[in-house]
Amino acid sequence: MIELALSYAPELRAYIRRFAPTPWEADDLLQETMVRALTQLDGLRDSARCRAWLFRIARNVFLDQVKRRRPQPIGDDGAISERCASHTATPLRPDLERALGALPSKQRECLLLCDLWGFRYAEIARIVGAPIGTVRSRISRGRAELQLTLAAHARGRVAPVKRGRR
């Protein structure tokens, strides 16, 4: 089981780099994630869920770090989603990066977990701690806004970003 968890390290690092402010902080977060995961490995009963379990731990490690740095409470939005489009370990087209950055943070996080890392809706729900219907809605709205923004960019103008519910 340890080998399985460690095999996801490169993918976890890419995920963490999406929201970590610097590469070395991403490495620290990855190390903390792996330490936490390896100490809790007995709690993982189904090896098929290892990947989603590790992503959830990485997300929680980052949110814990943010809470330690900021004494004031943070919203469920967390700082993950605020940084998720600005630091890229998996290079994307610049216009796509800008369009992702314009999405509401919760939509962006769910969309990236689905479309970039290939998690199923149920796995994303476990990772972000939201009901599956909420995850589906966030992904759907995120894709729609992304499509509008990219289509407007392709026509040579910037589309106004709708800021509805997050």
Protein backbone atom coordinates (compact mmCIF):
# COMPACT_ATOMS: atom_id res chain seq x y z
CA MET A 1 0.00 0.00 0.00
CA ILE A 2 2.93 2.34 0.68
CA GLU A 3 4.20 1.85 -2.87
CA LEU A 4 0.76 2.70 -4.23
CA ALA A 5 0.59 5.92 -2.20
CA LEU A 6 4.11 6.92 -3.24
CA SER A 7 3.32 6.25 -6.91
CA TYR A 8 0.91 9.21 -6.85
CA ALA A 9 3.58 11.67 -5.62
CA PRO A 10 4.29 13.27 -9.03
CA GLU A 11 0.59 13.79 -9.72
CA LEU A 12 0.03 15.16 -6.21
CA ARG A 13 2.92 17.57 -6.69
CA ALA A 14 1.33 18.88 -9.90
CA TYR A 15 -1.96 19.36 -8.05
CA ILE A 16 -0.30 21.11 -5.13
CA ARG A 17 1.68 23.37 -7.48
CA ARG A 18 -1.63 24.72 -8.79
CA PHE A 19 -2.19 26.53 -5.48
CA ALA A 20 1.14 26.65 -3.62
CA PRO A 21 2.76 30.09 -3.82
CA THR A 22 6.26 28.76 -4.61
CA PRO A 23 7.80 25.49 -5.81
CA TRP A 24 9.56 24.89 -2.50
CA GLU A 25 6.32 25.43 -0.57
CA ALA A 26 4.71 22.88 -2.90
CA ASP A 27 7.48 20.44 -2.01
CA ASP A 28 6.89 21.08 1.70
CA LEU A 29 3.15 20.55 1.26
CA LEU A 30 3.79 17.35 -0.67
CA GLN A 31 6.08 16.10 2.07
CA GLU A 32 3.51 16.92 4.76
CA THR A 33 0.81 15.24 2.67
CA MET A 34 2.84 12.05 2.30
CA VAL A 35 3.79 12.00 5.99
CA ARG A 36 0.16 12.44 6.99
CA ALA A 37 -0.97 9.81 4.49
CA LEU A 38 1.63 7.26 5.52
CA THR A 39 0.78 7.67 9.20
CA GLN A 40 -2.91 7.17 8.40
CA LEU A 41 -2.45 4.39 5.86
CA ASP A 42 -4.13 1.85 8.13
CA GLY A 43 -7.35 3.88 7.76
CA LEU A 44 -7.42 3.32 4.00
CA ARG A 45 -9.40 0.16 3.47
CA ASP A 46 -9.90 0.31 -0.30
CA SER A 47 -6.79 0.73 -2.44
CA ALA A 48 -9.00 1.86 -5.35
CA ARG A 49 -9.75 5.04 -3.38
CA CYS A 50 -6.12 5.83 -2.61
CA ARG A 51 -5.73 8.55 -5.24
CA ALA A 52 -8.79 10.57 -4.18
CA TRP A 53 -7.86 10.03 -0.53
CA LEU A 54 -4.38 11.49 -1.15
CA PHE A 55 -5.79 14.49 -3.01
CA ARG A 56 -8.13 15.18 -0.10
CA ILE A 57 -5.23 14.98 2.35
CA ALA A 58 -3.21 17.39 0.17
CA ARG A 59 -6.12 19.83 0.10
CA ASN A 60 -6.55 19.60 3.88
CA VAL A 61 -2.81 20.04 4.51
CA PHE A 62 -2.88 23.24 2.46
CA LEU A 63 -6.00 24.55 4.20
CA ASP A 64 -4.43 23.77 7.58
CA GLN A 65 -1.36 25.76 6.56
CA VAL A 66 -3.49 28.71 5.48
CA LYS A 67 -5.37 28.64 8.80
CA ARG A 68 -2.09 28.63 10.73
CA ARG A 69 -0.81 31.63 8.75
CA ARG A 70 -3.99 33.67 9.04
CA PRO A 71 -5.56 34.02 12.46
CA GLN A 72 -8.88 35.15 10.98
CA PRO A 73 -11.24 32.42 9.77
CA ILE A 74 -11.25 31.56 6.08
CA GLY A 75 -14.29 30.60 4.11
CA ASP A 76 -14.98 27.15 2.70
CA ASP A 77 -13.66 28.59 -0.54
CA GLY A 78 -10.23 28.16 0.96
CA ALA A 79 -7.14 29.64 -0.53
CA ILE A 80 -6.68 26.60 -2.74
CA SER A 81 -9.11 27.83 -5.28
CA GLU A 82 -7.83 31.41 -5.19
CA ARG A 83 -4.40 30.24 -6.27
CA CYS A 84 -5.46 27.28 -8.34
CA ALA A 85 -5.10 29.01 -11.70
CA SER A 86 -2.04 31.12 -11.08
CA HIS A 87 0.64 28.50 -10.36
CA THR A 88 0.82 25.82 -12.97
CA ALA A 89 2.81 22.64 -12.84
CA THR A 90 0.84 21.35 -15.81
CA PRO A 91 1.27 24.04 -18.49
CA LEU A 92 -1.93 25.18 -20.15
CA ARG A 93 -2.52 27.68 -22.93
CA PRO A 94 -2.30 31.28 -21.66
CA ASP A 95 -5.86 32.07 -22.75
CA LEU A 96 -7.10 28.98 -20.92
CA GLU A 97 -5.15 29.96 -17.80
CA ARG A 98 -6.74 33.45 -17.88
CA ALA A 99 -10.21 32.00 -18.39
CA LEU A 100 -9.69 29.54 -15.52
CA GLY A 101 -8.48 32.39 -13.33
CA ALA A 102 -11.68 34.29 -14.01
CA LEU A 103 -13.90 31.45 -12.78
CA PRO A 104 -15.28 31.49 -9.25
CA SER A 105 -12.85 29.58 -7.08
CA LYS A 106 -15.12 26.66 -6.15
CA GLN A 107 -16.05 26.09 -9.79
CA ARG A 108 -12.39 26.25 -10.82
CA GLU A 109 -11.32 23.73 -8.19
CA CYS A 110 -14.02 21.19 -9.12
CA LEU A 111 -13.46 21.70 -12.84
CA LEU A 112 -9.72 21.13 -12.54
CA LEU A 113 -10.17 18.01 -10.41
CA CYS A 114 -12.56 16.66 -13.03
CA ASP A 115 -11.05 17.73 -16.33
CA LEU A 116 -7.35 18.00 -15.55
CA TRP A 117 -6.94 15.17 -13.04
CA GLY A 118 -9.82 12.98 -14.21
CA PHE A 119 -11.62 12.38 -10.93
CA ARG A 120 -15.22 11.16 -11.00
CA TYR A 121 -17.90 13.35 -9.46
CA ALA A 122 -18.21 11.18 -6.35
CA GLU A 123 -14.45 11.37 -5.78
CA ILE A 124 -14.46 15.14 -6.18
CA ALA A 125 -17.31 15.38 -3.69
CA ARG A 126 -15.17 13.50 -1.15
CA ILE A 127 -12.09 15.61 -1.91
CA VAL A 128 -13.79 19.01 -1.57
CA GLY A 129 -16.32 17.93 1.06
CA ALA A 130 -19.41 18.94 -0.90
CA PRO A 131 -22.52 17.01 -2.00
CA ILE A 132 -22.24 15.37 -5.40
CA GLY A 133 -25.05 17.55 -6.80
CA THR A 134 -23.12 20.66 -5.81
CA VAL A 135 -20.01 19.29 -7.52
CA ARG A 136 -21.97 18.56 -10.72
CA SER A 137 -23.42 22.05 -10.66
CA ARG A 138 -20.05 23.72 -10.11
CA ILE A 139 -18.49 21.77 -12.97
CA SER A 140 -21.39 22.47 -15.31
CA ARG A 141 -21.44 26.21 -14.57
CA GLY A 142 -17.65 26.36 -14.75
CA ARG A 143 -17.56 24.68 -18.14
CA ALA A 144 -20.27 26.99 -19.48
CA GLU A 145 -18.45 30.13 -18.31
CA LEU A 146 -15.14 28.78 -19.60
CA GLN A 147 -16.69 28.10 -23.00
CA LEU A 148 -18.13 31.62 -23.23
CA THR A 149 -14.85 33.24 -22.19
CA LEU A 150 -12.75 31.18 -24.61
CA ALA A 151 -15.19 31.74 -27.48
CA ALA A 152 -15.06 35.50 -26.89
CA HIS A 153 -11.26 35.36 -26.73
CA ALA A 154 -11.18 33.47 -30.04
CA ARG A 155 -13.29 36.23 -31.61
CA GLY A 156 -10.76 38.76 -30.36
CA ARG A 157 -12.65 40.30 -27.49
CA VAL A 158 -12.90 39.62 -23.80
CA ALA A 159 -16.23 38.32 -22.58
CA PRO A 160 -17.67 39.80 -19.43
CA VAL A 161 -17.29 37.24 -16.68
CA LYS A 162 -20.54 36.46 -14.96
CA ARG A 163 -20.08 36.29 -11.22
CA GLY A 164 -23.07 34.40 -9.99
CA ARG A 165 -23.20 31.97 -7.12
CA ARG A 166 -19.92 30.43 -6.14
